[in-house]
Amino acid sequence: MSSETFRRLLLESNVLDRERLAKAEAAAASRGTPLERTIVALQLADETAVWRVLAKAHGLKFVDPGKFAPQAEALAKVPKEQAEQNEALPVLWKDGVLWLAIDDPIKTYVADNLAFLAGCTVQCALMPPQALKQALRKHLAGAPGGGAGGAGKAGGAAGGAESEDAPIIRLVSKTIDEALQQRASDIHIEPFQQRLRIRYRIDGVLKEVASLEITLLAPLTSRLKILAGLDIAEKRKPQDGRIAHTSDGRAIDIRTSVLPGSHGETIVMRLLDKERGLMSLEKLGFEGHDRERFQRLIARPNGIVLVTGPTGSGKTTTLYGALQQLNRADVKIITAEDPVEFNIRGINQCQVKSRIGLSFARILRAMLRQAPNVILVGEIRDQETAEIAVQAALTGHLVFSTLHTNDSASAITRLTDMGVKPFLVAASVQGVLAQRLLRVVCKQCRETYEPSDTELRSIGVDPAGARGTPFYRARGCPTCEHTGYRGRLGIYELLQMDNTLREMTFRGEPMVRLREYAWQSGGMSTLLQDGVRKVMAGHTTIPELLRVVAAV
């Protein structure tokens, strides 16, 4: 079925008019949710009417929740825990065929899952989600079980809201909500030969939170793929998708990546809180001279400002902090992002959609016809995007973007490696900010100590000059979950282009020479030097600084 068929039938059945359909389509596109569920969520039409049209569009039978009662013979064909796990209700046993009620046409695969257990041909019919949930709770409450595992037993015994969903659904929902409560940025689901490991990345460090039976991998993977809109039958290729999740009334965007491994598919979910991710430059740890220089840099009318660092080093958050300062009624700001991580009022944000050819380069070209003052390109990945960004900077636009390089000077040579001519790089780039994130030592349990001379020299500090300065080390308490750290802040290395650096870039000088000049001229402090300032100010510890910048 094409989506056009569903839209046409909605109009022909008078379930929606064109105006309400357009409103629903716009909301579905922005939220990344299916059109039929968006219609119901916005209360534009009755759920039963929408699902009746959806069934017709997919060529499926429709189960009217007001006119059905499942047969006892049908219910007996499938064990209770399997029906719950697959979110499918046996409703009819007729002529050797078992009919199952499901709430999503994509879930017709459950017919194959349950045909072996039922020992007969299985067909699927469509039923509205809320009605199906209520029916599952009502009709499976006393149904015979088949010896469910620990998760199934917990679901059968629990009362209240938790027992309304299948065990695997509860597991997924609980995992996401728990990760959000613990301030995790990522969830890692990793299969091994005998077990399934779940880890959260909290303050940049992975923490194992659960070790499950490997038999849970298949249903867990299927559930997450369905939520992310991925192909559940494809197990050989990597896949990427997005899950829209709501927690405590907040919209959470979850970027989901699936990668085939030797013991099954490993899944990583990046949690993005669109409402709480925005931070000012001051809160990010930008201090002193570097902060003043960066603010002067972003106040310029044109040129390119780059932020570099590895994945998860806070590059996008820094750029959003800069955009917030520039976001005024007299300034037009447009962004191209993949994905749009945080929503900023007053800024035009565009989502990259590679499947339909809407790349960074294509959006960037279109942006220039919108007469913006400031442009944010989520990432410069290729020569085409880099060249368009340079041209935009040279024609009166201020361009922000990110690159994956280890330090600030490397970004200059990276652009030339991409194929941008050195004289264009020299003329367009105004500055490059490299950054990392350090964990903040817990204020509740930190303790002062006297570091050894070796420790001080390892971070470039003269022991004689450090006398009288309090240094802290991490201990651990309930507040920081016994890690010794809570929260993170940035350390920065700002390279600002001057006439000499532009001349060196034009000549194609190597990265080492560029970095050496920027440091010796006094215009740049290194990541390590900024980290030392944070250590001596009591924000973090020497071991934490060495963990992050030892290889820099």
Protein backbone atom coordinates (compact mmCIF):
# COMPACT_ATOMS: atom_id res chain seq x y z
CA MET A 1 0.00 0.00 0.00
CA SER A 2 1.23 3.48 -0.79
CA SER A 3 0.66 6.27 1.68
CA GLU A 4 -1.26 8.02 -1.11
CA THR A 5 -3.92 5.28 -1.01
CA PHE A 6 -4.44 5.82 2.72
CA ARG A 7 -4.69 9.60 2.25
CA ARG A 8 -7.17 9.21 -0.60
CA LEU A 9 -9.38 6.83 1.38
CA LEU A 10 -9.36 9.18 4.40
CA LEU A 11 -10.79 11.92 2.20
CA GLU A 12 -13.23 9.67 0.32
CA SER A 13 -14.59 8.24 3.60
CA ASN A 14 -15.07 11.77 4.99
CA VAL A 15 -12.94 10.87 8.01
CA LEU A 16 -10.87 14.02 7.36
CA ASP A 17 -11.15 17.05 5.13
CA ARG A 18 -8.16 18.37 3.21
CA GLU A 19 -7.35 21.05 5.78
CA ARG A 20 -7.19 18.62 8.72
CA LEU A 21 -5.27 16.07 6.63
CA ALA A 22 -2.65 18.70 5.76
CA LYS A 23 -2.34 19.62 9.43
CA ALA A 24 -1.84 15.97 10.40
CA GLU A 25 0.73 15.38 7.63
CA ALA A 26 2.79 18.39 8.76
CA ALA A 27 2.72 17.23 12.38
CA ALA A 28 3.62 13.64 11.41
CA ALA A 29 6.59 14.85 9.38
CA SER A 30 7.93 17.06 12.18
CA ARG A 31 7.42 14.44 14.91
CA GLY A 32 8.56 11.46 12.84
CA THR A 33 5.39 9.52 13.81
CA PRO A 34 3.00 7.53 11.56
CA LEU A 35 0.21 9.58 9.99
CA GLU A 36 -2.62 7.47 11.46
CA ARG A 37 -1.32 7.80 15.04
CA THR A 38 -0.72 11.53 14.58
CA ILE A 39 -4.34 12.02 13.47
CA VAL A 40 -5.59 10.36 16.65
CA ALA A 41 -3.05 12.12 18.90
CA LEU A 42 -4.22 15.50 17.56
CA GLN A 43 -7.85 14.40 18.05
CA LEU A 44 -8.65 15.20 14.42
CA ALA A 45 -10.73 12.04 13.95
CA ASP A 46 -12.06 9.03 15.86
CA GLU A 47 -9.53 6.21 16.27
CA THR A 48 -11.95 3.51 15.14
CA ALA A 49 -12.80 5.41 11.95
CA VAL A 50 -9.12 5.99 11.13
CA TRP A 51 -8.18 2.34 11.71
CA ARG A 52 -11.14 1.15 9.60
CA VAL A 53 -9.71 3.16 6.66
CA LEU A 54 -6.18 1.93 7.44
CA ALA A 55 -7.35 -1.69 7.29
CA LYS A 56 -9.04 -1.05 3.93
CA ALA A 57 -5.91 0.61 2.57
CA HIS A 58 -3.81 -2.42 3.53
CA GLY A 59 -6.35 -4.99 2.35
CA LEU A 60 -6.85 -6.33 5.90
CA LYS A 61 -10.00 -7.39 7.74
CA PHE A 62 -11.17 -4.94 10.42
CA VAL A 63 -12.18 -5.94 13.96
CA ASP A 64 -14.86 -3.56 15.23
CA PRO A 65 -14.23 -3.17 18.98
CA GLY A 66 -17.94 -2.59 19.61
CA LYS A 67 -19.10 -5.76 17.89
CA PHE A 68 -16.65 -8.53 18.74
CA ALA A 69 -15.97 -11.07 21.45
CA PRO A 70 -12.98 -13.40 21.08
CA GLN A 71 -13.75 -17.12 20.94
CA ALA A 72 -12.50 -19.22 23.83
CA GLU A 73 -11.27 -21.79 21.28
CA ALA A 74 -9.17 -19.08 19.57
CA LEU A 75 -7.71 -17.86 22.86
CA ALA A 76 -6.66 -21.41 23.75
CA LYS A 77 -4.59 -21.72 20.57
CA VAL A 78 -1.86 -19.30 21.71
CA PRO A 79 -0.15 -19.19 25.15
CA LYS A 80 -0.97 -16.04 27.09
CA GLU A 81 2.61 -14.76 27.34
CA GLN A 82 3.15 -15.17 23.58
CA ALA A 83 -0.02 -13.22 22.80
CA GLU A 84 1.13 -10.45 25.17
CA GLN A 85 4.66 -10.42 23.84
CA ASN A 86 3.48 -10.14 20.22
CA GLU A 87 0.66 -7.70 21.08
CA ALA A 88 -1.78 -9.91 19.17
CA LEU A 89 -5.17 -11.12 20.39
CA PRO A 90 -6.62 -14.40 19.01
CA VAL A 91 -10.24 -13.56 18.12
CA LEU A 92 -11.59 -16.22 15.74
CA TRP A 93 -10.99 -19.89 14.91
CA LYS A 94 -12.77 -20.78 11.68
CA ASP A 95 -12.18 -23.32 8.89
CA GLY A 96 -8.70 -24.22 10.19
CA VAL A 97 -7.57 -20.59 10.26
CA LEU A 98 -6.75 -18.61 13.43
CA TRP A 99 -7.44 -14.87 13.16
CA LEU A 100 -5.34 -12.46 15.25
CA ALA A 101 -6.17 -8.85 16.02
CA ILE A 102 -3.18 -6.47 15.72
CA ASP A 103 -3.01 -2.67 15.87
CA ASP A 104 -0.40 -1.94 13.18
CA PRO A 105 -0.30 -3.27 9.60
CA ILE A 106 3.49 -3.60 9.85
CA LYS A 107 3.00 -6.26 12.55
CA THR A 108 1.57 -8.88 10.20
CA TYR A 109 4.87 -10.70 10.76
CA VAL A 110 3.40 -12.01 14.04
CA ALA A 111 1.37 -14.45 11.94
CA ASP A 112 4.63 -16.24 11.12
CA ASN A 113 5.79 -15.97 14.75
CA LEU A 114 2.68 -17.66 16.12
CA ALA A 115 1.78 -20.10 13.33
CA PHE A 116 4.21 -22.71 14.68
CA LEU A 117 2.85 -22.41 18.23
CA ALA A 118 -0.76 -22.52 17.10
CA GLY A 119 -0.11 -25.41 14.72
CA CYS A 120 -2.35 -23.92 12.03
CA THR A 121 -2.63 -21.16 9.43
CA VAL A 122 -2.70 -17.70 11.02
CA GLN A 123 -4.15 -14.51 9.50
CA CYS A 124 -4.15 -10.95 10.85
CA ALA A 125 -6.92 -8.38 11.15
CA LEU A 126 -6.63 -4.77 12.23
CA MET A 127 -8.02 -3.32 15.46
CA PRO A 128 -7.67 0.19 16.99
CA PRO A 129 -4.70 0.37 19.43
CA GLN A 130 -6.58 1.47 22.56
CA ALA A 131 -9.31 -1.11 22.01
CA LEU A 132 -6.71 -3.84 21.46
CA LYS A 133 -4.83 -2.88 24.62
CA GLN A 134 -8.04 -3.05 26.66
CA ALA A 135 -9.04 -6.35 25.04
CA LEU A 136 -5.65 -7.92 25.74
CA ARG A 137 -5.91 -6.91 29.39
CA LYS A 138 -9.50 -8.10 29.70
CA HIS A 139 -9.44 -11.40 27.82
CA LEU A 140 -5.93 -12.62 28.66
CA ALA A 141 -6.25 -11.97 32.40
CA GLY A 142 -7.59 -15.45 33.01
CA ALA A 143 -6.14 -17.17 29.96
CA PRO A 144 -3.82 -20.14 30.48
CA GLY A 145 -0.12 -19.29 30.46
CA GLY A 146 2.65 -21.36 28.99
CA GLY A 147 5.29 -20.97 31.67
CA ALA A 148 6.49 -17.48 30.89
CA GLY A 149 9.96 -16.34 31.90
CA GLY A 150 10.74 -13.86 34.66
CA ALA A 151 9.46 -10.90 32.67
CA GLY A 152 6.18 -12.63 31.87
CA LYS A 153 5.61 -13.62 35.51
CA ALA A 154 6.23 -10.10 36.67
CA GLY A 155 3.73 -8.81 34.11
CA GLY A 156 1.10 -11.34 35.16
CA ALA A 157 1.43 -10.59 38.85
CA ALA A 158 1.78 -6.83 38.72
CA GLY A 159 -1.22 -4.62 39.17
CA GLY A 160 -2.00 -1.13 37.99
CA ALA A 161 -0.77 0.58 34.88
CA GLU A 162 2.31 -1.58 34.35
CA SER A 163 0.26 -4.73 33.71
CA GLU A 164 -1.50 -3.08 30.77
CA ASP A 165 1.43 -3.75 28.42
CA ALA A 166 3.30 -6.81 27.24
CA PRO A 167 6.52 -7.61 29.16
CA ILE A 168 8.85 -6.64 26.30
CA ILE A 169 7.07 -3.30 25.93
CA ARG A 170 7.47 -2.66 29.65
CA LEU A 171 11.15 -3.60 29.43
CA VAL A 172 11.79 -1.10 26.61
CA SER A 173 9.81 1.67 28.27
CA LYS A 174 11.45 1.06 31.67
CA THR A 175 14.93 1.02 30.13
CA ILE A 176 14.42 4.37 28.38
CA ASP A 177 12.79 6.05 31.38
CA GLU A 178 15.48 4.77 33.75
CA ALA A 179 18.23 6.03 31.42
CA LEU A 180 16.62 9.48 31.35
CA GLN A 181 16.35 9.53 35.15
CA GLN A 182 20.05 8.72 35.43
CA ARG A 183 20.95 11.52 32.96
CA ALA A 184 22.26 9.05 30.37
CA SER A 185 23.12 10.29 26.89
CA ASP A 186 23.12 6.83 25.26
CA ILE A 187 21.73 3.34 25.77
CA HIS A 188 23.85 0.43 24.47
CA ILE A 189 22.23 -2.98 23.95
CA GLU A 190 24.93 -5.54 23.20
CA PRO A 191 24.48 -9.29 22.61
CA PHE A 192 27.13 -11.83 23.60
CA GLN A 193 27.22 -15.61 23.40
CA GLN A 194 25.42 -16.27 26.69
CA ARG A 195 23.92 -12.92 27.72
CA LEU A 196 22.54 -9.58 26.64
CA ARG A 197 24.25 -6.56 28.17
CA ILE A 198 22.61 -3.14 28.63
CA ARG A 199 24.81 -0.13 29.39
CA TYR A 200 24.11 3.58 29.86
CA ARG A 201 26.59 6.30 28.99
CA ILE A 202 26.44 8.75 31.90
CA ASP A 203 28.68 11.83 31.87
CA GLY A 204 30.61 10.29 28.98
CA VAL A 205 31.43 7.01 30.76
CA LEU A 206 29.67 3.68 30.14
CA LYS A 207 28.00 1.94 33.07
CA GLU A 208 26.54 -1.59 32.95
CA VAL A 209 23.01 -1.62 34.33
CA ALA A 210 21.61 -5.03 33.33
CA SER A 211 22.60 -8.50 32.13
CA LEU A 212 19.66 -10.31 30.54
CA GLU A 213 19.03 -13.72 29.00
CA ILE A 214 20.08 -13.88 25.35
CA THR A 215 16.58 -15.17 24.47
CA LEU A 216 15.30 -11.61 25.00
CA LEU A 217 17.40 -10.28 22.12
CA ALA A 218 14.96 -11.14 19.30
CA PRO A 219 11.79 -9.63 20.84
CA LEU A 220 13.72 -6.64 22.19
CA THR A 221 15.28 -5.93 18.80
CA SER A 222 11.94 -6.33 17.02
CA ARG A 223 10.23 -3.94 19.43
CA LEU A 224 12.89 -1.26 19.02
CA LYS A 225 12.93 -1.64 15.23
CA ILE A 226 9.15 -1.20 15.11
CA LEU A 227 9.37 1.94 17.25
CA ALA A 228 12.17 3.33 15.07
CA GLY A 229 10.39 2.51 11.81
CA LEU A 230 13.07 0.04 10.69
CA ASP A 231 12.82 -3.20 8.71
CA ILE A 232 12.47 -5.99 11.28
CA ALA A 233 13.21 -8.66 8.67
CA GLU A 234 16.59 -7.14 7.73
CA LYS A 235 19.28 -8.54 10.00
CA ARG A 236 22.32 -8.37 7.70
CA LYS A 237 22.71 -4.62 7.13
CA PRO A 238 23.13 -1.62 9.45
CA GLN A 239 20.01 0.50 9.91
CA ASP A 240 19.31 3.93 11.38
CA GLY A 241 16.01 5.34 12.62
CA ARG A 242 14.36 7.58 15.18
CA ILE A 243 11.98 6.95 18.08
CA ALA A 244 9.63 9.62 19.44
CA HIS A 245 9.30 9.05 23.18
CA THR A 246 7.48 11.03 25.86
CA SER A 247 8.73 11.08 29.46
CA ASP A 248 7.13 13.22 32.18
CA GLY A 249 5.41 15.26 29.49
CA ARG A 250 8.72 15.99 27.69
CA ALA A 251 9.34 15.03 24.07
CA ILE A 252 12.48 12.88 23.77
CA ASP A 253 14.00 12.19 20.35
CA ILE A 254 15.91 8.90 20.28
CA ARG A 255 18.36 8.33 17.41
CA THR A 256 18.59 4.56 16.96
CA SER A 257 21.45 2.71 15.25
CA VAL A 258 21.39 -1.05 14.58
CA LEU A 259 24.60 -2.88 13.65
CA PRO A 260 24.85 -6.64 12.86
CA GLY A 261 27.41 -8.45 15.02
CA SER A 262 28.69 -11.99 15.48
CA HIS A 263 26.13 -12.78 18.22
CA GLY A 264 23.24 -10.68 16.92
CA GLU A 265 22.38 -7.07 16.30
CA THR A 266 23.81 -4.46 18.66
CA ILE A 267 21.71 -1.33 19.20
CA VAL A 268 22.75 2.12 20.34
CA MET A 269 20.15 4.78 21.18
CA ARG A 270 21.15 8.44 21.56
CA LEU A 271 18.73 10.29 23.85
CA LEU A 272 18.02 13.91 22.91
CA ASP A 273 15.86 16.02 25.19
CA LYS A 274 14.70 18.78 22.86
CA GLU A 275 13.53 20.99 25.70
CA ARG A 276 16.39 20.72 28.18
CA GLY A 277 19.45 20.50 25.94
CA LEU A 278 20.01 24.23 25.47
CA MET A 279 22.75 25.79 27.60
CA SER A 280 24.48 29.16 27.65
CA LEU A 281 28.18 29.43 26.81
CA GLU A 282 28.89 30.30 30.45
CA LYS A 283 27.21 27.13 31.75
CA LEU A 284 29.19 25.06 29.24
CA GLY A 285 32.44 26.07 30.97
CA PHE A 286 33.53 28.87 28.61
CA GLU A 287 35.51 31.25 30.82
CA GLY A 288 37.89 34.18 30.75
CA HIS A 289 39.88 35.29 27.71
CA ASP A 290 38.73 32.44 25.44
CA ARG A 291 35.08 33.27 26.04
CA GLU A 292 35.63 36.96 25.23
CA ARG A 293 37.51 36.06 22.01
CA PHE A 294 34.81 33.60 20.95
CA GLN A 295 32.03 36.13 21.54
CA ARG A 296 33.89 38.68 19.38
CA LEU A 297 34.31 35.98 16.76
CA ILE A 298 30.62 35.09 16.52
CA ALA A 299 29.68 38.79 16.40
CA ARG A 300 31.42 39.17 13.02
CA PRO A 301 29.16 39.71 9.99
CA ASN A 302 30.70 36.96 7.82
CA GLY A 303 33.13 34.09 7.68
CA ILE A 304 33.23 30.48 8.90
CA VAL A 305 33.44 29.48 12.56
CA LEU A 306 34.18 25.78 13.05
CA VAL A 307 33.80 23.63 16.16
CA THR A 308 35.76 20.38 16.20
CA GLY A 309 36.02 17.31 18.39
CA PRO A 310 35.02 13.65 18.50
CA THR A 311 31.44 12.40 18.66
CA GLY A 312 29.79 13.32 21.95
CA SER A 313 32.15 16.19 22.81
CA GLY A 314 29.36 18.79 22.89
CA LYS A 315 30.02 20.51 19.54
CA THR A 316 26.34 21.00 18.65
CA THR A 317 25.50 22.25 22.17
CA THR A 318 28.24 24.90 21.88
CA LEU A 319 26.95 26.05 18.50
CA TYR A 320 23.41 26.26 19.85
CA GLY A 321 24.74 28.39 22.71
CA ALA A 322 26.28 30.73 20.13
CA LEU A 323 23.05 30.87 18.11
CA GLN A 324 21.06 31.76 21.21
CA GLN A 325 23.26 34.84 21.67
CA LEU A 326 22.73 35.88 18.04
CA ASN A 327 19.01 35.10 18.01
CA ARG A 328 17.41 38.55 17.72
CA ALA A 329 14.42 39.92 15.85
CA ASP A 330 16.68 41.65 13.30
CA VAL A 331 18.77 38.54 12.51
CA LYS A 332 17.67 35.75 10.15
CA ILE A 333 19.13 32.36 11.21
CA ILE A 334 18.69 29.10 9.28
CA THR A 335 20.10 25.69 10.23
CA ALA A 336 20.59 22.41 8.37
CA GLU A 337 20.85 19.53 10.83
CA ASP A 338 20.84 15.75 10.92
CA PRO A 339 18.81 15.47 13.07
CA VAL A 340 17.36 18.67 14.56
CA GLU A 341 18.56 18.00 18.11
CA PHE A 342 16.99 20.91 20.01
CA ASN A 343 14.19 23.30 19.08
CA ILE A 344 15.06 27.01 19.33
CA ARG A 345 12.25 29.52 19.07
CA GLY A 346 12.84 32.14 16.37
CA ILE A 347 15.27 30.05 14.30
CA ASN A 348 14.42 28.30 11.01
CA GLN A 349 15.62 24.69 11.42
CA CYS A 350 15.77 22.23 8.49
CA GLN A 351 16.06 18.44 8.78
CA VAL A 352 18.40 16.54 6.45
CA LYS A 353 16.55 13.70 4.67
CA SER A 354 19.05 11.65 2.69
CA ARG A 355 16.42 9.20 1.41
CA ILE A 356 14.82 11.90 -0.74
CA GLY A 357 18.10 13.59 -1.66
CA LEU A 358 17.77 16.44 0.85
CA SER A 359 21.45 16.59 1.82
CA PHE A 360 23.43 19.26 3.66
CA ALA A 361 24.66 20.63 0.32
CA ARG A 362 21.18 20.84 -1.19
CA ILE A 363 19.70 22.57 1.87
CA LEU A 364 22.68 24.94 1.97
CA ARG A 365 22.10 25.99 -1.64
CA ALA A 366 18.43 26.63 -0.92
CA MET A 367 19.30 28.55 2.26
CA LEU A 368 21.25 31.15 0.32
CA ARG A 369 18.07 32.09 -1.57
CA GLN A 370 16.36 32.79 1.79
CA ALA A 371 18.64 35.79 2.52
CA PRO A 372 19.88 34.66 5.96
CA ASN A 373 22.40 36.50 8.12
CA VAL A 374 23.60 33.38 9.98
CA ILE A 375 23.78 29.78 8.73
CA LEU A 376 24.42 26.63 10.76
CA VAL A 377 25.46 23.51 8.85
CA GLY A 378 25.31 20.54 11.23
CA GLU A 379 28.47 18.96 9.82
CA ILE A 380 30.79 19.44 6.86
CA ARG A 381 31.14 15.89 5.54
CA ASP A 382 32.23 16.29 1.92
CA GLN A 383 33.83 18.61 -0.62
CA GLU A 384 30.51 19.87 -2.02
CA THR A 385 29.20 21.00 1.38
CA ALA A 386 32.58 22.53 2.29
CA GLU A 387 32.78 24.54 -0.95
CA ILE A 388 29.24 25.90 -0.65
CA ALA A 389 29.88 26.87 2.99
CA VAL A 390 33.05 28.71 1.94
CA GLN A 391 31.23 30.56 -0.85
CA ALA A 392 28.47 31.54 1.57
CA ALA A 393 31.07 32.91 4.01
CA LEU A 394 32.73 34.91 1.23
CA THR A 395 29.42 36.45 0.14
CA GLY A 396 28.46 38.06 3.42
CA HIS A 397 27.09 35.23 5.58
CA LEU A 398 28.27 34.04 8.99
CA VAL A 399 28.53 30.24 8.78
CA PHE A 400 28.79 27.85 11.74
CA SER A 401 29.63 24.18 11.34
CA THR A 402 31.38 21.18 12.89
CA LEU A 403 34.21 18.88 11.83
CA HIS A 404 35.54 15.64 13.33
CA THR A 405 39.19 16.48 14.02
CA ASN A 406 41.38 16.11 17.09
CA ASP A 407 42.40 19.74 17.51
CA SER A 408 41.75 23.20 16.09
CA ALA A 409 44.69 23.39 13.66
CA SER A 410 43.72 20.06 12.08
CA ALA A 411 40.45 21.60 10.86
CA ILE A 412 42.34 23.94 8.53
CA THR A 413 44.24 21.11 6.83
CA ARG A 414 41.11 18.92 6.83
CA LEU A 415 39.27 21.44 4.63
CA THR A 416 42.14 21.49 2.13
CA ASP A 417 42.26 17.66 2.21
CA MET A 418 38.56 17.69 1.26
CA GLY A 419 39.45 19.59 -1.91
CA VAL A 420 38.79 23.22 -0.91
CA LYS A 421 41.51 25.44 -2.35
CA PRO A 422 43.92 26.81 0.30
CA PHE A 423 43.34 30.46 -0.67
CA LEU A 424 39.58 30.00 -0.13
CA VAL A 425 40.16 28.44 3.30
CA ALA A 426 42.52 31.27 4.24
CA ALA A 427 40.00 33.91 3.17
CA SER A 428 36.85 32.40 4.71
CA VAL A 429 37.74 30.76 8.05
CA GLN A 430 37.62 33.18 10.99
CA GLY A 431 38.32 30.75 13.81
CA VAL A 432 38.28 27.11 14.95
CA LEU A 433 37.21 25.92 18.39
CA ALA A 434 38.31 22.45 19.53
CA GLN A 435 36.63 21.05 22.63
CA ARG A 436 36.25 18.09 24.99
CA LEU A 437 33.99 17.38 27.95
CA LEU A 438 35.34 16.69 31.47
CA ARG A 439 33.34 15.23 34.33
CA VAL A 440 32.78 17.62 37.22
CA VAL A 441 33.94 16.32 40.59
CA CYS A 442 31.02 15.82 42.99
CA LYS A 443 30.75 18.80 45.33
CA GLN A 444 29.17 16.64 48.06
CA CYS A 445 31.95 14.13 48.52
CA ARG A 446 35.13 15.56 46.95
CA GLU A 447 38.15 15.74 49.25
CA THR A 448 41.28 17.85 49.16
CA TYR A 449 44.69 16.20 48.91
CA GLU A 450 48.29 17.01 48.07
CA PRO A 451 49.16 15.72 44.57
CA SER A 452 52.63 14.34 43.99
CA ASP A 453 55.17 16.22 41.90
CA THR A 454 54.85 13.52 39.24
CA GLU A 455 51.09 14.09 39.00
CA LEU A 456 51.52 17.84 38.65
CA ARG A 457 54.22 17.50 36.00
CA SER A 458 52.01 15.08 34.04
CA ILE A 459 49.63 17.98 33.35
CA GLY A 460 52.41 20.52 32.81
CA VAL A 461 52.20 22.24 36.20
CA ASP A 462 55.33 23.37 38.07
CA PRO A 463 55.06 21.90 41.61
CA ALA A 464 56.62 25.05 43.09
CA GLY A 465 53.99 27.27 41.48
CA ALA A 466 51.09 25.08 42.66
CA ARG A 467 51.78 25.41 46.38
CA GLY A 468 48.75 26.70 48.28
CA THR A 469 46.29 25.74 45.54
CA PRO A 470 43.66 23.21 46.72
CA PHE A 471 43.42 20.09 44.56
CA TYR A 472 40.51 17.65 44.80
CA ARG A 473 40.04 13.96 44.22
CA ALA A 474 36.84 11.97 43.69
CA ARG A 475 35.43 9.72 46.40
CA GLY A 476 31.83 8.70 45.73
CA CYS A 477 28.50 9.12 47.51
CA PRO A 478 24.78 8.49 46.85
CA THR A 479 24.44 11.92 45.21
CA CYS A 480 26.88 10.98 42.42
CA GLU A 481 25.90 7.28 42.48
CA HIS A 482 29.33 6.50 43.97
CA THR A 483 31.22 7.59 40.84
CA GLY A 484 32.77 10.70 42.42
CA TYR A 485 31.55 12.85 39.51
CA ARG A 486 28.29 14.51 38.56
CA GLY A 487 27.75 16.56 35.40
CA ARG A 488 30.24 17.74 32.78
CA LEU A 489 31.83 20.95 31.55
CA GLY A 490 33.85 21.82 28.49
CA ILE A 491 37.52 22.56 27.95
CA TYR A 492 38.37 24.59 24.87
CA GLU A 493 41.13 25.43 22.42
CA LEU A 494 40.33 28.48 20.29
CA LEU A 495 42.45 29.18 17.21
CA GLN A 496 41.67 32.61 15.80
CA MET A 497 42.93 33.37 12.31
CA ASP A 498 45.25 36.34 11.88
CA ASN A 499 47.20 37.59 8.85
CA THR A 500 50.16 35.29 9.51
CA LEU A 501 47.97 32.19 9.88
CA ARG A 502 46.11 33.11 6.69
CA GLU A 503 49.42 33.43 4.85
CA MET A 504 50.61 30.08 6.23
CA THR A 505 47.30 28.44 5.21
CA PHE A 506 47.58 29.95 1.73
CA ARG A 507 51.08 28.46 1.39
CA GLY A 508 49.83 25.05 2.52
CA GLU A 509 51.93 24.88 5.70
CA PRO A 510 51.51 21.60 7.66
CA MET A 511 49.19 21.36 10.65
CA VAL A 512 52.10 21.15 13.13
CA ARG A 513 53.46 24.52 11.97
CA LEU A 514 50.02 26.15 12.18
CA ARG A 515 49.51 24.85 15.71
CA GLU A 516 53.00 25.86 16.83
CA TYR A 517 52.59 29.43 15.57
CA ALA A 518 49.08 29.81 17.10
CA TRP A 519 50.37 28.71 20.49
CA GLN A 520 53.64 30.69 20.49
CA SER A 521 51.96 33.89 19.32
CA GLY A 522 49.84 33.83 22.48
CA GLY A 523 46.60 33.67 20.60
CA MET A 524 45.69 30.13 21.63
CA SER A 525 45.72 28.10 24.83
CA THR A 526 45.61 24.33 24.38
CA LEU A 527 42.98 21.91 25.62
CA LEU A 528 45.42 20.76 28.30
CA GLN A 529 46.07 24.32 29.49
CA ASP A 530 42.35 25.06 29.75
CA GLY A 531 41.88 21.75 31.56
CA VAL A 532 44.59 22.68 34.06
CA ARG A 533 42.69 25.92 34.79
CA LYS A 534 39.55 23.85 35.50
CA VAL A 535 41.55 21.51 37.80
CA MET A 536 43.08 24.38 39.74
CA ALA A 537 39.68 26.04 40.07
CA GLY A 538 38.37 22.88 41.79
CA HIS A 539 35.96 21.87 39.01
CA THR A 540 37.56 18.51 38.21
CA THR A 541 40.49 16.22 39.02
CA ILE A 542 43.90 15.46 37.55
CA PRO A 543 43.01 11.81 36.64
CA GLU A 544 39.88 13.02 34.83
CA LEU A 545 41.86 15.58 32.83
CA LEU A 546 44.44 12.97 31.84
CA ARG A 547 41.68 10.55 30.84
CA VAL A 548 40.32 13.04 28.34
CA VAL A 549 43.37 14.85 26.96
CA ALA A 550 46.30 12.46 27.50
CA ALA A 551 46.40 11.64 23.78
CA VAL A 552 46.06 15.23 22.59
